[in-house]
Amino acid sequence: MTLDQFKHHQEEDALDEFYSDEEPESKTGQKEDMKHYLNKLNSRIDVLVEALKEADGMIAKQTDQQTIMEQIKERKAN
């Protein structure tokens, strides 16, 4: 075993010892954590959806304004 392999093996053992004292989380705790995470995610998605709706409305308004300006220019030219 090389020195690098030995060091790597020691690091893995240290990690195993680090996690060995943790108690398994209860199913209820996991469900609550997931519920909290999903609620935060949903609120972030809601913000993004609202921003997209607003951007879509602004783009539509801009397109309408451009179309109107083009029609005015065409009428002036004729």
PDB file of N, CA and C in Angstrom:
ATOM      1  N   MET A   1       0.848  -1.172   0.000  1.00  0.00           N
ATOM      2  CA  MET A   1       0.000   0.000   0.000  1.00  0.00           C
ATOM      3  C   MET A   1       0.897   1.240   0.000  1.00  0.00           C
ATOM      4  N   THR A   2       0.607   2.157  -0.927  1.00  0.00           N
ATOM      5  CA  THR A   2       1.401   3.376  -1.000  1.00  0.00           C
ATOM      6  C   THR A   2       0.950   4.344   0.085  1.00  0.00           C
ATOM      7  N   LEU A   3       1.738   5.377   0.270  1.00  0.00           N
ATOM      8  CA  LEU A   3       1.418   6.386   1.284  1.00  0.00           C
ATOM      9  C   LEU A   3       0.097   7.089   0.951  1.00  0.00           C
ATOM     10  N   ASP A   4      -0.121   7.405  -0.332  1.00  0.00           N
ATOM     11  CA  ASP A   4      -1.373   8.056  -0.738  1.00  0.00           C
ATOM     12  C   ASP A   4      -2.574   7.155  -0.475  1.00  0.00           C
ATOM     13  N   GLN A   5      -2.441   5.867  -0.781  1.00  0.00           N
ATOM     14  CA  GLN A   5      -3.538   4.930  -0.535  1.00  0.00           C
ATOM     15  C   GLN A   5      -3.828   4.840   0.960  1.00  0.00           C
ATOM     16  N   PHE A   6      -2.748   4.828   1.763  1.00  0.00           N
ATOM     17  CA  PHE A   6      -2.909   4.751   3.216  1.00  0.00           C
ATOM     18  C   PHE A   6      -3.649   5.987   3.741  1.00  0.00           C
ATOM     19  N   LYS A   7      -3.246   7.169   3.274  1.00  0.00           N
ATOM     20  CA  LYS A   7      -3.911   8.406   3.693  1.00  0.00           C
ATOM     21  C   LYS A   7      -5.376   8.401   3.289  1.00  0.00           C
ATOM     22  N   HIS A   8      -5.651   7.954   2.064  1.00  0.00           N
ATOM     23  CA  HIS A   8      -7.036   7.896   1.581  1.00  0.00           C
ATOM     24  C   HIS A   8      -7.858   6.947   2.448  1.00  0.00           C
ATOM     25  N   HIS A   9      -7.266   5.804   2.814  1.00  0.00           N
ATOM     26  CA  HIS A   9      -7.961   4.821   3.643  1.00  0.00           C
ATOM     27  C   HIS A   9      -8.259   5.416   5.024  1.00  0.00           C
ATOM     28  N   GLN A  10      -7.297   6.169   5.578  1.00  0.00           N
ATOM     29  CA  GLN A  10      -7.513   6.800   6.873  1.00  0.00           C
ATOM     30  C   GLN A  10      -8.625   7.851   6.806  1.00  0.00           C
ATOM     31  N   GLU A  11      -8.664   8.603   5.702  1.00  0.00           N
ATOM     32  CA  GLU A  11      -9.714   9.617   5.545  1.00  0.00           C
ATOM     33  C   GLU A  11     -11.085   8.964   5.484  1.00  0.00           C
ATOM     34  N   GLU A  12     -11.186   7.835   4.775  1.00  0.00           N
ATOM     35  CA  GLU A  12     -12.470   7.125   4.692  1.00  0.00           C
ATOM     36  C   GLU A  12     -12.888   6.621   6.063  1.00  0.00           C
ATOM     37  N   ASP A  13     -11.930   6.078   6.835  1.00  0.00           N
ATOM     38  CA  ASP A  13     -12.240   5.613   8.180  1.00  0.00           C
ATOM     39  C   ASP A  13     -12.711   6.767   9.065  1.00  0.00           C
ATOM     40  N   ALA A  14     -12.067   7.911   8.930  1.00  0.00           N
ATOM     41  CA  ALA A  14     -12.456   9.075   9.720  1.00  0.00           C
ATOM     42  C   ALA A  14     -13.878   9.503   9.380  1.00  0.00           C
ATOM     43  N   LEU A  15     -14.225   9.461   8.091  1.00  0.00           N
ATOM     44  CA  LEU A  15     -15.596   9.810   7.697  1.00  0.00           C
ATOM     45  C   LEU A  15     -16.596   8.813   8.251  1.00  0.00           C
ATOM     46  N   ASP A  16     -16.251   7.535   8.195  1.00  0.00           N
ATOM     47  CA  ASP A  16     -17.150   6.511   8.741  1.00  0.00           C
ATOM     48  C   ASP A  16     -17.401   6.757  10.228  1.00  0.00           C
ATOM     49  N   GLU A  17     -16.335   7.096  10.959  1.00  0.00           N
ATOM     50  CA  GLU A  17     -16.483   7.380  12.385  1.00  0.00           C
ATOM     51  C   GLU A  17     -17.302   8.642  12.609  1.00  0.00           C
ATOM     52  N   PHE A  18     -17.125   9.628  11.749  1.00  0.00           N
ATOM     53  CA  PHE A  18     -17.859  10.885  11.877  1.00  0.00           C
ATOM     54  C   PHE A  18     -19.362  10.634  11.761  1.00  0.00           C
ATOM     55  N   TYR A  19     -19.776   9.811  10.799  1.00  0.00           N
ATOM     56  CA  TYR A  19     -21.194   9.556  10.585  1.00  0.00           C
ATOM     57  C   TYR A  19     -21.751   8.488  11.513  1.00  0.00           C
ATOM     58  N   SER A  20     -20.914   7.724  12.172  1.00  0.00           N
ATOM     59  CA  SER A  20     -21.398   6.597  12.960  1.00  0.00           C
ATOM     60  C   SER A  20     -22.202   7.033  14.184  1.00  0.00           C
ATOM     61  N   ASP A  21     -21.956   8.243  14.685  1.00  0.00           N
ATOM     62  CA  ASP A  21     -22.676   8.676  15.881  1.00  0.00           C
ATOM     63  C   ASP A  21     -24.024   9.327  15.563  1.00  0.00           C
ATOM     64  N   GLU A  22     -24.339   9.479  14.284  1.00  0.00           N
ATOM     65  CA  GLU A  22     -25.625  10.079  13.923  1.00  0.00           C
ATOM     66  C   GLU A  22     -26.735   9.050  14.074  1.00  0.00           C
ATOM     67  N   GLU A  23     -27.832   9.527  14.612  1.00  0.00           N
ATOM     68  CA  GLU A  23     -28.996   8.658  14.718  1.00  0.00           C
ATOM     69  C   GLU A  23     -29.791   8.763  13.430  1.00  0.00           C
ATOM     70  N   PRO A  24     -30.344   7.649  12.994  1.00  0.00           N
ATOM     71  CA  PRO A  24     -31.157   7.739  11.779  1.00  0.00           C
ATOM     72  C   PRO A  24     -32.343   8.674  12.011  1.00  0.00           C
ATOM     73  N   GLU A  25     -32.618   9.495  11.026  1.00  0.00           N
ATOM     74  CA  GLU A  25     -33.718  10.443  11.153  1.00  0.00           C
ATOM     75  C   GLU A  25     -35.042   9.699  11.019  1.00  0.00           C
ATOM     76  N   SER A  26     -36.006  10.132  11.784  1.00  0.00           N
ATOM     77  CA  SER A  26     -37.302   9.466  11.732  1.00  0.00           C
ATOM     78  C   SER A  26     -38.002   9.789  10.416  1.00  0.00           C
ATOM     79  N   LYS A  27     -38.904   8.922  10.019  1.00  0.00           N
ATOM     80  CA  LYS A  27     -39.664   9.130   8.784  1.00  0.00           C
ATOM     81  C   LYS A  27     -40.480  10.417   8.870  1.00  0.00           C
ATOM     82  N   THR A  28     -41.005  10.715  10.041  1.00  0.00           N
ATOM     83  CA  THR A  28     -41.800  11.929  10.223  1.00  0.00           C
ATOM     84  C   THR A  28     -40.929  13.157  10.005  1.00  0.00           C
ATOM     85  N   GLY A  29     -39.723  13.136  10.552  1.00  0.00           N
ATOM     86  CA  GLY A  29     -38.803  14.259  10.375  1.00  0.00           C
ATOM     87  C   GLY A  29     -38.429  14.442   8.920  1.00  0.00           C
ATOM     88  N   GLN A  30     -38.197  13.326   8.235  1.00  0.00           N
ATOM     89  CA  GLN A  30     -37.858  13.401   6.814  1.00  0.00           C
ATOM     90  C   GLN A  30     -39.013  13.982   6.014  1.00  0.00           C
ATOM     91  N   LYS A  31     -40.225  13.546   6.335  1.00  0.00           N
ATOM     92  CA  LYS A  31     -41.409  14.047   5.620  1.00  0.00           C
ATOM     93  C   LYS A  31     -41.595  15.543   5.865  1.00  0.00           C
ATOM     94  N   GLU A  32     -41.390  15.982   7.101  1.00  0.00           N
ATOM     95  CA  GLU A  32     -41.526  17.401   7.424  1.00  0.00           C
ATOM     96  C   GLU A  32     -40.462  18.226   6.704  1.00  0.00           C
ATOM     97  N   ASP A  33     -39.225  17.706   6.673  1.00  0.00           N
ATOM     98  CA  ASP A  33     -38.158  18.401   5.961  1.00  0.00           C
ATOM     99  C   ASP A  33     -38.484  18.525   4.481  1.00  0.00           C
ATOM    100  N   MET A  34     -38.978  17.436   3.903  1.00  0.00           N
ATOM    101  CA  MET A  34     -39.318  17.447   2.484  1.00  0.00           C
ATOM    102  C   MET A  34     -40.488  18.397   2.225  1.00  0.00           C
ATOM    103  N   LYS A  35     -41.461  18.397   3.121  1.00  0.00           N
ATOM    104  CA  LYS A  35     -42.608  19.293   2.988  1.00  0.00           C
ATOM    105  C   LYS A  35     -42.150  20.753   3.023  1.00  0.00           C
ATOM    106  N   HIS A  36     -41.259  21.071   3.953  1.00  0.00           N
ATOM    107  CA  HIS A  36     -40.715  22.432   4.075  1.00  0.00           C
ATOM    108  C   HIS A  36     -39.945  22.808   2.814  1.00  0.00           C
ATOM    109  N   TYR A  37     -39.121  21.889   2.330  1.00  0.00           N
ATOM    110  CA  TYR A  37     -38.341  22.132   1.118  1.00  0.00           C
ATOM    111  C   TYR A  37     -39.249  22.369  -0.082  1.00  0.00           C
ATOM    112  N   LEU A  38     -40.265  21.542  -0.239  1.00  0.00           N
ATOM    113  CA  LEU A  38     -41.180  21.681  -1.378  1.00  0.00           C
ATOM    114  C   LEU A  38     -41.983  22.974  -1.295  1.00  0.00           C
ATOM    115  N   ASN A  39     -42.366  23.385  -0.092  1.00  0.00           N
ATOM    116  CA  ASN A  39     -43.078  24.655   0.054  1.00  0.00           C
ATOM    117  C   ASN A  39     -42.192  25.827  -0.368  1.00  0.00           C
ATOM    118  N   LYS A  40     -40.924  25.805   0.040  1.00  0.00           N
ATOM    119  CA  LYS A  40     -39.999  26.870  -0.370  1.00  0.00           C
ATOM    120  C   LYS A  40     -39.805  26.850  -1.879  1.00  0.00           C
ATOM    121  N   LEU A  41     -39.682  25.649  -2.434  1.00  0.00           N
ATOM    122  CA  LEU A  41     -39.497  25.515  -3.875  1.00  0.00           C
ATOM    123  C   LEU A  41     -40.718  26.035  -4.624  1.00  0.00           C
ATOM    124  N   ASN A  42     -41.904  25.703  -4.141  1.00  0.00           N
ATOM    125  CA  ASN A  42     -43.140  26.187  -4.775  1.00  0.00           C
ATOM    126  C   ASN A  42     -43.227  27.706  -4.737  1.00  0.00           C
ATOM    127  N   SER A  43     -42.833  28.296  -3.623  1.00  0.00           N
ATOM    128  CA  SER A  43     -42.900  29.765  -3.539  1.00  0.00           C
ATOM    129  C   SER A  43     -41.914  30.394  -4.512  1.00  0.00           C
ATOM    130  N   ARG A  44     -40.751  29.794  -4.679  1.00  0.00           N
ATOM    131  CA  ARG A  44     -39.785  30.308  -5.657  1.00  0.00           C
ATOM    132  C   ARG A  44     -40.301  30.153  -7.079  1.00  0.00           C
ATOM    133  N   ILE A  45     -40.943  29.036  -7.347  1.00  0.00           N
ATOM    134  CA  ILE A  45     -41.516  28.806  -8.677  1.00  0.00           C
ATOM    135  C   ILE A  45     -42.622  29.820  -8.943  1.00  0.00           C
ATOM    136  N   ASP A  46     -43.435  30.107  -7.924  1.00  0.00           N
ATOM    137  CA  ASP A  46     -44.501  31.107  -8.078  1.00  0.00           C
ATOM    138  C   ASP A  46     -43.936  32.466  -8.466  1.00  0.00           C
ATOM    139  N   VAL A  47     -42.826  32.849  -7.847  1.00  0.00           N
ATOM    140  CA  VAL A  47     -42.185  34.126  -8.164  1.00  0.00           C
ATOM    141  C   VAL A  47     -41.735  34.121  -9.630  1.00  0.00           C
ATOM    142  N   LEU A  48     -41.133  33.020 -10.056  1.00  0.00           N
ATOM    143  CA  LEU A  48     -40.673  32.922 -11.445  1.00  0.00           C
ATOM    144  C   LEU A  48     -41.833  32.964 -12.437  1.00  0.00           C
ATOM    145  N   VAL A  49     -42.917  32.285 -12.113  1.00  0.00           N
ATOM    146  CA  VAL A  49     -44.087  32.276 -13.000  1.00  0.00           C
ATOM    147  C   VAL A  49     -44.654  33.682 -13.128  1.00  0.00           C
ATOM    148  N   GLU A  50     -44.751  34.399 -12.016  1.00  0.00           N
ATOM    149  CA  GLU A  50     -45.263  35.766 -12.066  1.00  0.00           C
ATOM    150  C   GLU A  50     -44.352  36.665 -12.904  1.00  0.00           C
ATOM    151  N   ALA A  51     -43.045  36.479 -12.751  1.00  0.00           N
ATOM    152  CA  ALA A  51     -42.107  37.278 -13.540  1.00  0.00           C
ATOM    153  C   ALA A  51     -42.253  36.966 -15.025  1.00  0.00           C
ATOM    154  N   LEU A  52     -42.448  35.694 -15.352  1.00  0.00           N
ATOM    155  CA  LEU A  52     -42.643  35.316 -16.763  1.00  0.00           C
ATOM    156  C   LEU A  52     -43.934  35.898 -17.324  1.00  0.00           C
ATOM    157  N   LYS A  53     -44.985  35.876 -16.531  1.00  0.00           N
ATOM    158  CA  LYS A  53     -46.256  36.456 -16.979  1.00  0.00           C
ATOM    159  C   LYS A  53     -46.096  37.951 -17.242  1.00  0.00           C
ATOM    160  N   GLU A  54     -45.408  38.625 -16.326  1.00  0.00           N
ATOM    161  CA  GLU A  54     -45.195  40.065 -16.484  1.00  0.00           C
ATOM    162  C   GLU A  54     -44.346  40.349 -17.721  1.00  0.00           C
ATOM    163  N   ALA A  55     -43.306  39.562 -17.926  1.00  0.00           N
ATOM    164  CA  ALA A  55     -42.441  39.741 -19.096  1.00  0.00           C
ATOM    165  C   ALA A  55     -43.218  39.475 -20.376  1.00  0.00           C
ATOM    166  N   ASP A  56     -44.058  38.456 -20.361  1.00  0.00           N
ATOM    167  CA  ASP A  56     -44.863  38.127 -21.535  1.00  0.00           C
ATOM    168  C   ASP A  56     -45.803  39.285 -21.879  1.00  0.00           C
ATOM    169  N   GLY A  57     -46.410  39.862 -20.844  1.00  0.00           N
ATOM    170  CA  GLY A  57     -47.287  41.008 -21.063  1.00  0.00           C
ATOM    171  C   GLY A  57     -46.536  42.205 -21.616  1.00  0.00           C
ATOM    172  N   MET A  58     -45.346  42.440 -21.101  1.00  0.00           N
ATOM    173  CA  MET A  58     -44.539  43.567 -21.583  1.00  0.00           C
ATOM    174  C   MET A  58     -44.111  43.349 -23.035  1.00  0.00           C
ATOM    175  N   ILE A  59     -43.752  42.121 -23.370  1.00  0.00           N
ATOM    176  CA  ILE A  59     -43.353  41.811 -24.750  1.00  0.00           C
ATOM    177  C   ILE A  59     -44.540  41.983 -25.688  1.00  0.00           C
ATOM    178  N   ALA A  60     -45.708  41.526 -25.259  1.00  0.00           N
ATOM    179  CA  ALA A  60     -46.907  41.677 -26.078  1.00  0.00           C
ATOM    180  C   ALA A  60     -47.226  43.149 -26.298  1.00  0.00           C
ATOM    181  N   LYS A  61     -47.109  43.935 -25.246  1.00  0.00           N
ATOM    182  CA  LYS A  61     -47.381  45.370 -25.348  1.00  0.00           C
ATOM    183  C   LYS A  61     -46.381  46.039 -26.289  1.00  0.00           C
ATOM    184  N   GLN A  62     -45.116  45.658 -26.160  1.00  0.00           N
ATOM    185  CA  GLN A  62     -44.077  46.219 -27.015  1.00  0.00           C
ATOM    186  C   GLN A  62     -44.327  45.856 -28.475  1.00  0.00           C
ATOM    187  N   THR A  63     -44.697  44.600 -28.716  1.00  0.00           N
ATOM    188  CA  THR A  63     -44.983  44.148 -30.076  1.00  0.00           C
ATOM    189  C   THR A  63     -46.169  44.912 -30.647  1.00  0.00           C
ATOM    190  N   ASP A  64     -47.209  45.115 -29.827  1.00  0.00           N
ATOM    191  CA  ASP A  64     -48.373  45.877 -30.262  1.00  0.00           C
ATOM    192  C   ASP A  64     -47.971  47.306 -30.612  1.00  0.00           C
ATOM    193  N   GLN A  65     -47.125  47.909 -29.780  1.00  0.00           N
ATOM    194  CA  GLN A  65     -46.683  49.278 -30.033  1.00  0.00           C
ATOM    195  C   GLN A  65     -45.866  49.355 -31.319  1.00  0.00           C
ATOM    196  N   GLN A  66     -45.007  48.358 -31.543  1.00  0.00           N
ATOM    197  CA  GLN A  66     -44.209  48.345 -32.770  1.00  0.00           C
ATOM    198  C   GLN A  66     -45.115  48.209 -33.991  1.00  0.00           C
ATOM    199  N   THR A  67     -46.110  47.343 -33.894  1.00  0.00           N
ATOM    200  CA  THR A  67     -47.048  47.159 -35.000  1.00  0.00           C
ATOM    201  C   THR A  67     -47.801  48.449 -35.292  1.00  0.00           C
ATOM    202  N   ILE A  68     -48.260  49.116 -34.248  1.00  0.00           N
ATOM    203  CA  ILE A  68     -48.983  50.378 -34.415  1.00  0.00           C
ATOM    204  C   ILE A  68     -48.078  51.421 -35.059  1.00  0.00           C
ATOM    205  N   MET A  69     -46.832  51.523 -34.601  1.00  0.00           N
ATOM    206  CA  MET A  69     -45.888  52.489 -35.168  1.00  0.00           C
ATOM    207  C   MET A  69     -45.640  52.190 -36.655  1.00  0.00           C
ATOM    208  N   GLU A  70     -45.518  50.918 -37.000  1.00  0.00           N
ATOM    209  CA  GLU A  70     -45.314  50.546 -38.407  1.00  0.00           C
ATOM    210  C   GLU A  70     -46.529  50.925 -39.249  1.00  0.00           C
ATOM    211  N   GLN A  71     -47.734  50.702 -38.707  1.00  0.00           N
ATOM    212  CA  GLN A  71     -48.949  51.065 -39.442  1.00  0.00           C
ATOM    213  C   GLN A  71     -49.025  52.569 -39.642  1.00  0.00           C
ATOM    214  N   ILE A  72     -48.646  53.325 -38.614  1.00  0.00           N
ATOM    215  CA  ILE A  72     -48.661  54.795 -38.740  1.00  0.00           C
ATOM    216  C   ILE A  72     -47.676  55.244 -39.813  1.00  0.00           C
ATOM    217  N   LYS A  73     -46.489  54.659 -39.821  1.00  0.00           N
ATOM    218  CA  LYS A  73     -45.482  55.003 -40.815  1.00  0.00           C
ATOM    219  C   LYS A  73     -45.972  54.657 -42.220  1.00  0.00           C
ATOM    220  N   GLU A  74     -46.627  53.502 -42.357  1.00  0.00           N
ATOM    221  CA  GLU A  74     -47.161  53.093 -43.671  1.00  0.00           C
ATOM    222  C   GLU A  74     -48.228  54.076 -44.150  1.00  0.00           C
ATOM    223  N   ARG A  75     -49.104  54.502 -43.251  1.00  0.00           N
ATOM    224  CA  ARG A  75     -50.160  55.441 -43.622  1.00  0.00           C
ATOM    225  C   ARG A  75     -49.579  56.797 -44.015  1.00  0.00           C
ATOM    226  N   LYS A  76     -48.562  57.230 -43.287  1.00  0.00           N
ATOM    227  CA  LYS A  76     -47.918  58.502 -43.624  1.00  0.00           C
ATOM    228  C   LYS A  76     -47.232  58.413 -44.987  1.00  0.00           C
ATOM    229  N   ALA A  77     -46.662  57.266 -45.299  1.00  0.00           N
ATOM    230  CA  ALA A  77     -45.964  57.075 -46.565  1.00  0.00           C
ATOM    231  C   ALA A  77     -46.941  57.051 -47.740  1.00  0.00           C
ATOM    232  N   ASN A  78     -48.153  56.585 -47.506  1.00  0.00           N
ATOM    233  CA  ASN A  78     -49.154  56.506 -48.586  1.00  0.00           C
ATOM    234  C   ASN A  78     -49.870  57.791 -48.654  1.00  0.00           C
TER     235      ASN A  78
END
